[in-house]
Amino acid sequence: MSGHIHIIGGGLAGLSAAVELAGVGEHVSLYEAGPACGGRARSYEDRHLGCRIDNGNHLLLSGNRAVNRYLGLIGAQDTLTGPSRPVFPFMDLGDKARWTLDLSRGKIPLWVLSRRRRVPGMRLGELRSLMRLMEADPDVVVSECLQPGALSSRLLEPFAISVLNTMPDVGSAALLGAVVRESLAQGGRHCLPRFPREGLSESFVDPALSHLALMKAEVHTGVRISAVEVEDGHVTMLRATGQEIPVGPGDAVIMATPAPVASSLLDGRVPGFSAPDEFEAIVNAHFALPYAPVATGALAQARFIGLVGGISEWVFIKGHILSVTVSAANRYAACDTDALARIIWGEVRAALDPALTVALPVEMPPMRIVREKRATFAATPAQDRLRPGTRTMLPNLMLAGDWTETGLPATIEGALRSGVAAARATRQRHGG
């Protein structure tokens, strides 16, 4: 197309769309309301801890095809790291049991035949839960698919909470099943754990901005779009503080903001528009040690551990920083921050001390609790039905974001796929 494409929102969905379009020579302008791009997947300098941290933890998999494509386009495919085998260390905080899920590389799940490689206490018949998830109808919740047993309590339930950021008794089985189909069902080659070697911005944001600058795309930070003007079934104007941005007949707009922002701008202006309106929080706790702990065994290989039976879900060792993720965190909204941090630190010590050469200090080190109150949409069947498609009733307006109809929960993979879909739909509608 020979027009100007305006992308509202500099999170990963917006960056993904911009990278796709700028790469084929389109005239792209991206507007980010905040001082930096990246949205909920970026890094920043924390003055209290005196170091750079990620605003959240994201465990990726080698089979995330949109992640691999995006990093390849921006020249950042070597910025992720992780174990060379599909291994996932776990600990049950209730009975102190420790194990490592060690998946088979191929599609044949030979790992379930080895007591050393599977979830302790699981029965082979429990694998039917996976089939039920992959075949689940849109109205089914996760708990309805899970058979009682160790596989559910020690793997599938924590997995569901982590992936959906929603509790299993209300979370969509169909969305979780989609993830299972693309990961466990494909074998261990698709399940190698991956995470940024340095930080989220160093992998997903900074290389994208450098690439966009090379492609002559315009990236404007600190520009908040306050209104979208619509006339005769087309977007004609974007209004920001102190400026008006005209949208000409050959131009297009991609709305890549979070769902609440998109709703505030498009409700009543775009026929048939809908978006999720219930959200779940994520809590991340970052603890700054005066030294980098030395791990042994599976923890040394993976650099993370999954926890069952407590508040903490994942603990990542990032140099001298220990980062903890707590998903579906609306249930902890009333908890005092300091009290919550002390509980989490106790769980971190219980999980890591047996696998470290030197035990962690009893006294809690300097910490930062980051609460994302509306981190993702609540991945329930009802909310999933509210997710809009990429195209809207306005020919020059597309939608992108992990809250759109990607077929996946709200993940980095889903956000990147939505950006690609919006870019392609934009070019198709305008003859590209």
Protein backbone atom coordinates (compact mmCIF):
# COMPACT_ATOMS: atom_id res chain seq x y z
CA MET A 1 0.00 0.00 0.00
CA SER A 2 1.14 3.58 -0.55
CA GLY A 3 -0.16 5.22 2.59
CA HIS A 4 0.87 6.07 6.11
CA ILE A 5 0.30 3.40 8.78
CA HIS A 6 -0.23 4.71 12.31
CA ILE A 7 0.35 2.22 15.13
CA ILE A 8 -1.02 3.16 18.54
CA GLY A 9 0.86 1.41 21.33
CA GLY A 10 4.52 0.47 21.67
CA GLY A 11 4.15 -2.86 23.45
CA LEU A 12 5.20 -6.08 21.78
CA ALA A 13 2.07 -6.24 19.63
CA GLY A 14 2.71 -2.75 18.26
CA LEU A 15 6.42 -3.37 17.78
CA SER A 16 5.66 -6.65 16.00
CA ALA A 17 3.31 -4.91 13.58
CA ALA A 18 5.80 -2.09 13.01
CA VAL A 19 8.66 -4.51 12.30
CA GLU A 20 6.56 -6.43 9.78
CA LEU A 21 5.38 -3.33 7.94
CA ALA A 22 8.60 -1.33 7.99
CA GLY A 23 10.42 -4.39 6.70
CA VAL A 24 8.42 -4.33 3.47
CA GLY A 25 8.89 -0.61 2.95
CA GLU A 26 5.70 0.79 4.44
CA HIS A 27 5.63 4.29 5.96
CA VAL A 28 5.13 3.58 9.66
CA SER A 29 4.64 5.84 12.67
CA LEU A 30 4.30 4.32 16.13
CA TYR A 31 2.91 6.26 19.11
CA GLU A 32 3.66 5.13 22.66
CA ALA A 33 2.05 6.95 25.59
CA GLY A 34 4.80 6.10 28.07
CA PRO A 35 8.44 7.17 28.11
CA ALA A 36 9.64 3.80 26.77
CA CYS A 37 8.37 1.01 24.54
CA GLY A 38 7.89 -2.58 25.60
CA GLY A 39 4.72 -2.42 27.67
CA ARG A 40 4.62 -5.27 30.18
CA ALA A 41 7.76 -6.89 28.71
CA ARG A 42 10.57 -4.44 29.29
CA SER A 43 13.51 -3.70 31.58
CA TYR A 44 14.25 -0.62 33.65
CA GLU A 45 16.70 0.77 36.20
CA ASP A 46 15.45 0.28 39.74
CA ARG A 47 16.93 2.94 42.02
CA HIS A 48 16.11 1.10 45.23
CA LEU A 49 17.89 -2.08 44.14
CA GLY A 50 20.59 -0.19 42.29
CA CYS A 51 20.38 -2.38 39.20
CA ARG A 52 18.39 -3.10 36.07
CA ILE A 53 15.45 -5.51 36.36
CA ASP A 54 12.62 -6.80 34.19
CA ASN A 55 9.14 -5.61 35.09
CA GLY A 56 8.03 -9.24 34.81
CA ASN A 57 9.31 -12.75 34.25
CA HIS A 58 8.45 -14.61 31.06
CA LEU A 59 9.36 -18.24 30.46
CA LEU A 60 9.36 -18.87 26.72
CA LEU A 61 9.64 -22.14 24.81
CA SER A 62 11.75 -23.09 21.80
CA GLY A 63 8.57 -23.88 19.86
CA ASN A 64 7.19 -20.34 20.12
CA ARG A 65 7.24 -19.68 16.39
CA ALA A 66 6.20 -16.01 16.53
CA VAL A 67 8.93 -15.30 19.08
CA ASN A 68 11.51 -16.98 16.86
CA ARG A 69 10.31 -15.09 13.78
CA TYR A 70 10.28 -11.71 15.53
CA LEU A 71 13.74 -12.14 17.07
CA GLY A 72 15.05 -13.26 13.68
CA LEU A 73 13.70 -10.17 11.94
CA ILE A 74 15.27 -7.79 14.47
CA GLY A 75 18.55 -9.71 14.67
CA ALA A 76 18.12 -10.78 18.30
CA GLN A 77 17.76 -14.54 17.97
CA ASP A 78 20.94 -15.09 19.99
CA THR A 79 19.78 -13.04 22.97
CA LEU A 80 17.76 -15.85 24.54
CA THR A 81 19.31 -18.56 26.68
CA GLY A 82 18.20 -21.65 28.52
CA PRO A 83 19.04 -25.30 29.14
CA SER A 84 20.07 -27.54 26.26
CA ARG A 85 17.47 -30.13 27.31
CA PRO A 86 13.74 -29.79 28.06
CA VAL A 87 14.15 -29.93 31.84
CA PHE A 88 11.93 -28.24 34.42
CA PRO A 89 13.01 -28.48 38.09
CA PHE A 90 10.16 -28.42 40.65
CA MET A 91 9.65 -28.45 44.40
CA ASP A 92 6.52 -29.07 46.43
CA LEU A 93 6.64 -26.66 49.36
CA GLY A 94 4.13 -28.82 51.23
CA ASP A 95 6.07 -32.06 51.58
CA LYS A 96 9.49 -30.76 50.38
CA ALA A 97 9.54 -33.23 47.46
CA ARG A 98 11.86 -32.27 44.61
CA TRP A 99 11.89 -33.54 41.04
CA THR A 100 12.85 -32.59 37.52
CA LEU A 101 10.40 -32.98 34.66
CA ASP A 102 12.65 -34.29 31.89
CA LEU A 103 10.72 -34.44 28.61
CA SER A 104 11.47 -36.64 25.63
CA ARG A 105 12.79 -34.74 22.64
CA GLY A 106 10.42 -36.40 20.17
CA LYS A 107 6.64 -36.57 20.10
CA ILE A 108 6.52 -40.03 21.68
CA PRO A 109 6.29 -39.24 25.43
CA LEU A 110 8.81 -41.80 26.68
CA TRP A 111 9.39 -39.60 29.73
CA VAL A 112 6.14 -40.80 31.30
CA LEU A 113 7.57 -44.33 31.54
CA SER A 114 10.46 -43.25 33.75
CA ARG A 115 9.82 -42.50 37.43
CA ARG A 116 12.96 -40.38 37.43
CA ARG A 117 11.75 -38.11 34.62
CA ARG A 118 8.06 -37.65 35.40
CA VAL A 119 6.00 -36.07 38.16
CA PRO A 120 6.39 -38.18 41.33
CA GLY A 121 3.26 -40.04 42.33
CA MET A 122 1.52 -39.65 38.97
CA ARG A 123 -0.36 -42.52 37.32
CA LEU A 124 -0.25 -43.08 33.57
CA GLY A 125 -4.04 -42.93 33.40
CA GLU A 126 -3.88 -39.28 34.42
CA LEU A 127 -2.52 -38.42 30.98
CA ARG A 128 -6.13 -38.46 29.81
CA SER A 129 -6.33 -34.98 31.33
CA LEU A 130 -4.09 -33.70 28.54
CA MET A 131 -6.35 -35.18 25.88
CA ARG A 132 -9.41 -33.63 27.52
CA LEU A 133 -7.74 -30.22 27.53
CA MET A 134 -6.80 -30.45 23.85
CA GLU A 135 -10.33 -31.50 22.91
CA ALA A 136 -12.17 -29.11 25.24
CA ASP A 137 -15.14 -27.08 24.02
CA PRO A 138 -15.02 -23.28 24.42
CA ASP A 139 -17.29 -23.28 27.49
CA VAL A 140 -15.33 -25.87 29.50
CA VAL A 141 -13.07 -24.81 32.38
CA VAL A 142 -9.73 -26.40 33.21
CA SER A 143 -10.78 -28.11 36.43
CA GLU A 144 -13.45 -30.08 34.54
CA CYS A 145 -10.73 -31.73 32.44
CA LEU A 146 -8.32 -32.69 35.20
CA GLN A 147 -8.34 -36.08 36.85
CA PRO A 148 -7.47 -36.13 40.56
CA GLY A 149 -3.86 -37.07 41.14
CA ALA A 150 -0.26 -35.94 41.26
CA LEU A 151 -0.07 -34.96 37.58
CA SER A 152 -2.86 -32.44 38.08
CA SER A 153 -1.83 -31.09 41.48
CA ARG A 154 1.90 -30.94 40.79
CA LEU A 155 1.97 -29.97 37.12
CA LEU A 156 -1.26 -29.25 35.26
CA GLU A 157 -2.88 -26.96 37.83
CA PRO A 158 0.30 -24.84 38.34
CA PHE A 159 0.82 -24.89 34.58
CA ALA A 160 -2.71 -23.62 34.03
CA ILE A 161 -2.31 -20.78 36.53
CA SER A 162 0.99 -19.76 34.98
CA VAL A 163 -0.16 -19.92 31.35
CA LEU A 164 -3.68 -18.51 31.76
CA ASN A 165 -2.96 -16.20 34.71
CA THR A 166 -6.37 -17.44 35.87
CA MET A 167 -7.39 -20.07 38.41
CA PRO A 168 -8.26 -23.54 37.02
CA ASP A 169 -11.82 -23.54 38.36
CA VAL A 170 -12.71 -20.63 36.06
CA GLY A 171 -9.94 -20.70 33.43
CA SER A 172 -10.64 -21.70 29.83
CA ALA A 173 -9.69 -25.29 29.06
CA ALA A 174 -9.71 -24.52 25.34
CA LEU A 175 -7.05 -21.82 25.72
CA LEU A 176 -4.88 -24.06 27.87
CA GLY A 177 -5.41 -26.90 25.41
CA ALA A 178 -4.14 -24.70 22.60
CA VAL A 179 -0.87 -24.21 24.49
CA VAL A 180 -0.60 -27.94 25.23
CA ARG A 181 -1.04 -28.71 21.52
CA GLU A 182 1.84 -26.40 20.63
CA SER A 183 4.17 -27.50 23.43
CA LEU A 184 3.86 -30.82 25.25
CA ALA A 185 2.08 -32.51 22.34
CA GLN A 186 4.92 -31.54 19.98
CA GLY A 187 7.65 -33.10 22.11
CA GLY A 188 10.62 -31.78 24.00
CA ARG A 189 12.24 -30.09 21.00
CA HIS A 190 9.44 -27.55 21.17
CA CYS A 191 9.63 -27.27 24.98
CA LEU A 192 13.19 -26.11 25.59
CA PRO A 193 12.88 -23.33 28.21
CA ARG A 194 14.03 -19.95 26.94
CA PHE A 195 14.44 -16.56 28.62
CA PRO A 196 16.46 -13.38 27.92
CA ARG A 197 20.19 -13.65 28.56
CA GLU A 198 20.29 -10.04 29.81
CA GLY A 199 16.78 -8.60 30.02
CA LEU A 200 13.46 -8.26 28.24
CA SER A 201 14.34 -4.92 26.67
CA GLU A 202 17.70 -6.21 25.46
CA SER A 203 15.94 -9.06 23.66
CA PHE A 204 12.56 -7.73 22.55
CA VAL A 205 12.61 -3.92 22.61
CA ASP A 206 16.01 -2.35 22.00
CA PRO A 207 16.86 -4.47 18.91
CA ALA A 208 13.39 -3.75 17.50
CA LEU A 209 13.83 -0.01 17.93
CA SER A 210 17.26 -0.16 16.26
CA HIS A 211 15.75 -2.16 13.40
CA LEU A 212 12.86 0.29 13.00
CA ALA A 213 15.28 3.24 12.93
CA LEU A 214 17.24 1.49 10.18
CA MET A 215 13.97 0.94 8.27
CA LYS A 216 13.13 4.67 8.60
CA ALA A 217 10.07 4.06 10.80
CA GLU A 218 9.09 6.82 13.20
CA VAL A 219 8.75 5.93 16.89
CA HIS A 220 7.23 8.61 19.13
CA THR A 221 7.27 8.06 22.89
CA GLY A 222 5.37 10.24 25.34
CA VAL A 223 2.53 10.67 22.82
CA ARG A 224 -0.80 9.60 24.27
CA ILE A 225 -3.62 9.24 21.75
CA SER A 226 -6.67 10.68 23.50
CA ALA A 227 -9.31 10.32 20.79
CA VAL A 228 -9.98 8.53 17.52
CA GLU A 229 -12.19 10.47 15.12
CA VAL A 230 -14.42 8.50 12.75
CA GLU A 231 -16.33 9.85 9.74
CA ASP A 232 -18.17 7.97 6.97
CA GLY A 233 -17.03 4.60 8.30
CA HIS A 234 -13.29 5.44 8.37
CA VAL A 235 -10.81 6.72 10.94
CA THR A 236 -9.97 10.27 9.87
CA MET A 237 -8.06 11.76 12.79
CA LEU A 238 -6.02 10.80 15.85
CA ARG A 239 -5.95 13.35 18.62
CA ALA A 240 -3.07 13.60 21.06
CA THR A 241 -2.13 16.23 23.63
CA GLY A 242 -1.32 19.38 21.69
CA GLN A 243 -1.55 17.84 18.25
CA GLU A 244 -3.87 16.37 15.65
CA ILE A 245 -2.70 13.53 13.42
CA PRO A 246 -4.71 13.31 10.19
CA VAL A 247 -5.46 9.89 8.73
CA GLY A 248 -5.77 10.24 4.97
CA PRO A 249 -7.80 8.14 2.53
CA GLY A 250 -4.87 5.81 1.83
CA ASP A 251 -3.73 5.58 5.44
CA ALA A 252 -4.45 2.94 8.06
CA VAL A 253 -4.45 2.63 11.84
CA ILE A 254 -3.47 -0.33 14.01
CA MET A 255 -4.76 -0.13 17.58
CA ALA A 256 -2.19 -2.06 19.66
CA THR A 257 -2.93 -0.69 23.12
CA PRO A 258 -4.04 -2.69 26.18
CA ALA A 259 -7.71 -3.67 26.13
CA PRO A 260 -8.95 -0.96 28.56
CA VAL A 261 -7.29 1.77 26.48
CA ALA A 262 -8.70 0.38 23.24
CA SER A 263 -12.16 0.24 24.80
CA SER A 264 -11.95 3.86 25.95
CA LEU A 265 -11.01 4.99 22.44
CA LEU A 266 -13.24 2.74 20.32
CA ASP A 267 -16.41 2.00 22.30
CA GLY A 268 -19.31 3.72 20.56
CA ARG A 269 -17.18 4.62 17.54
CA VAL A 270 -16.56 1.23 15.99
CA PRO A 271 -19.65 -0.88 15.27
CA GLY A 272 -19.51 -4.32 16.85
CA PHE A 273 -16.39 -3.60 18.89
CA SER A 274 -15.91 -5.67 22.03
CA ALA A 275 -13.00 -6.41 24.35
CA PRO A 276 -12.35 -8.30 27.58
CA ASP A 277 -13.33 -6.27 30.63
CA GLU A 278 -12.17 -8.48 33.51
CA PHE A 279 -8.49 -8.74 34.39
CA GLU A 280 -6.04 -10.64 36.55
CA ALA A 281 -2.97 -9.35 38.34
CA ILE A 282 0.59 -10.65 38.36
CA VAL A 283 3.01 -10.02 41.22
CA ASN A 284 6.76 -10.15 40.65
CA ALA A 285 9.21 -10.00 43.54
CA HIS A 286 12.86 -9.10 42.90
CA PHE A 287 15.48 -9.72 45.60
CA ALA A 288 18.98 -8.20 45.23
CA LEU A 289 21.75 -10.28 46.76
CA PRO A 290 25.27 -8.92 47.35
CA TYR A 291 26.62 -11.83 45.27
CA ALA A 292 25.53 -14.18 42.48
CA PRO A 293 24.49 -17.52 44.00
CA VAL A 294 26.07 -20.67 42.60
CA ALA A 295 23.56 -23.43 41.83
CA THR A 296 24.09 -27.15 41.45
CA GLY A 297 22.30 -29.99 39.67
CA ALA A 298 19.19 -29.32 37.61
CA LEU A 299 18.88 -25.80 39.02
CA ALA A 300 22.32 -24.95 37.63
CA GLN A 301 21.23 -26.20 34.21
CA ALA A 302 17.81 -24.53 34.12
CA ARG A 303 18.46 -21.36 36.18
CA PHE A 304 14.86 -21.48 37.39
CA ILE A 305 12.61 -23.69 39.52
CA GLY A 306 8.85 -24.15 39.66
CA LEU A 307 7.16 -24.19 43.07
CA VAL A 308 3.98 -25.99 44.08
CA GLY A 309 1.96 -25.57 47.26
CA GLY A 310 2.83 -21.97 48.13
CA ILE A 311 2.44 -18.41 46.91
CA SER A 312 5.52 -18.38 44.67
CA GLU A 313 5.30 -20.13 41.29
CA TRP A 314 8.61 -19.60 39.52
CA VAL A 315 11.97 -18.49 40.87
CA PHE A 316 14.56 -17.27 38.35
CA ILE A 317 18.26 -16.79 39.10
CA LYS A 318 19.39 -13.71 37.15
CA GLY A 319 22.94 -13.03 38.27
CA HIS A 320 22.67 -11.56 41.76
CA ILE A 321 18.92 -10.99 41.36
CA LEU A 322 16.37 -13.61 42.38
CA SER A 323 13.05 -12.94 40.61
CA VAL A 324 9.79 -14.59 41.64
CA THR A 325 6.51 -14.75 39.73
CA VAL A 326 3.05 -15.03 41.31
CA SER A 327 0.24 -15.43 38.76
CA ALA A 328 -3.53 -15.05 39.18
CA ALA A 329 -2.64 -12.59 41.91
CA ASN A 330 -6.05 -10.97 42.44
CA ARG A 331 -6.34 -13.39 45.37
CA TYR A 332 -3.45 -11.59 47.09
CA ALA A 333 -4.64 -8.03 46.42
CA ALA A 334 -5.36 -7.35 50.10
CA CYS A 335 -2.01 -8.70 51.32
CA ASP A 336 0.46 -6.25 52.83
CA THR A 337 3.45 -5.87 50.51
CA ASP A 338 6.09 -6.40 53.20
CA ALA A 339 4.29 -9.40 54.64
CA LEU A 340 3.89 -10.90 51.18
CA ALA A 341 7.59 -10.35 50.46
CA ARG A 342 8.61 -12.09 53.69
CA ILE A 343 6.50 -15.15 52.85
CA ILE A 344 7.93 -15.27 49.34
CA TRP A 345 11.50 -14.95 50.65
CA GLY A 346 10.92 -17.89 52.98
CA GLU A 347 9.69 -19.94 50.01
CA VAL A 348 12.70 -18.90 47.93
CA ARG A 349 15.08 -20.04 50.67
CA ALA A 350 13.26 -23.37 51.04
CA ALA A 351 13.43 -23.97 47.29
CA LEU A 352 16.97 -22.83 46.53
CA ASP A 353 19.08 -23.56 49.61
CA PRO A 354 19.35 -27.34 49.01
CA ALA A 355 20.62 -26.68 45.47
CA LEU A 356 23.07 -23.83 46.22
CA THR A 357 26.70 -24.11 47.26
CA VAL A 358 26.06 -21.43 49.91
CA ALA A 359 22.71 -21.01 51.66
CA LEU A 360 20.80 -17.76 51.20
CA PRO A 361 20.76 -15.26 54.07
CA VAL A 362 17.98 -15.67 56.59
CA GLU A 363 17.34 -11.95 56.61
CA MET A 364 15.49 -10.74 53.53
CA PRO A 365 17.75 -8.70 51.20
CA PRO A 366 16.64 -5.47 49.48
CA MET A 367 13.58 -6.24 47.42
CA ARG A 368 11.11 -4.76 44.97
CA ILE A 369 7.52 -5.95 44.62
CA VAL A 370 5.96 -5.11 41.24
CA ARG A 371 2.18 -5.50 41.05
CA GLU A 372 0.62 -5.44 37.58
CA LYS A 373 -3.01 -5.05 38.58
CA ARG A 374 -4.36 -5.62 35.06
CA ALA A 375 -1.56 -7.75 33.69
CA THR A 376 -3.80 -9.89 31.45
CA PHE A 377 -7.46 -10.39 30.71
CA ALA A 378 -9.08 -13.04 32.89
CA ALA A 379 -8.81 -16.12 30.67
CA THR A 380 -12.32 -17.42 31.31
CA PRO A 381 -14.64 -18.77 28.62
CA ALA A 382 -16.86 -15.69 28.96
CA GLN A 383 -13.95 -13.27 28.54
CA ASP A 384 -12.52 -15.28 25.67
CA ARG A 385 -15.78 -14.74 23.78
CA LEU A 386 -15.31 -10.96 24.08
CA ARG A 387 -11.96 -10.97 22.30
CA PRO A 388 -12.24 -9.22 18.92
CA GLY A 389 -10.67 -10.30 15.67
CA THR A 390 -7.94 -8.39 13.86
CA ARG A 391 -10.26 -6.65 11.38
CA THR A 392 -12.91 -4.18 12.43
CA MET A 393 -15.97 -2.78 10.66
CA LEU A 394 -13.81 0.22 9.70
CA PRO A 395 -11.71 -0.69 6.65
CA ASN A 396 -8.70 1.33 7.78
CA LEU A 397 -8.62 0.17 11.42
CA MET A 398 -7.04 -3.07 12.68
CA LEU A 399 -6.57 -4.40 16.18
CA ALA A 400 -3.54 -6.02 17.80
CA GLY A 401 -2.72 -7.15 21.32
CA ASP A 402 -2.62 -10.32 23.38
CA TRP A 403 -6.26 -9.62 24.26
CA THR A 404 -7.42 -10.00 20.67
CA GLU A 405 -8.55 -13.30 19.18
CA THR A 406 -5.18 -15.04 18.84
CA GLY A 407 -6.35 -18.50 19.90
CA LEU A 408 -3.86 -18.33 22.78
CA PRO A 409 -3.97 -16.86 26.29
CA ALA A 410 -2.38 -13.47 26.94
CA THR A 411 1.26 -14.33 26.27
CA ILE A 412 4.27 -12.85 24.48
CA GLU A 413 3.69 -15.39 21.72
CA GLY A 414 0.08 -14.25 21.33
CA ALA A 415 1.01 -10.56 21.35
CA LEU A 416 3.59 -11.04 18.60
CA ARG A 417 1.19 -13.12 16.50
CA SER A 418 -1.43 -10.40 16.79
CA GLY A 419 1.01 -7.81 15.46
CA VAL A 420 1.83 -9.97 12.44
CA ALA A 421 -1.88 -10.57 11.79
CA ALA A 422 -2.66 -6.84 11.98
CA ALA A 423 0.19 -5.99 9.61
CA ARG A 424 -0.91 -8.55 7.05
CA ALA A 425 -4.58 -7.58 7.30
CA THR A 426 -3.64 -3.91 6.81
CA ARG A 427 -1.72 -4.63 3.63
CA GLN A 428 -4.40 -6.97 2.30
CA ARG A 429 -7.19 -4.43 2.79
CA HIS A 430 -5.17 -1.73 1.13
CA GLY A 431 -3.89 -3.73 -1.80
CA GLY A 432 -0.43 -4.64 -0.45
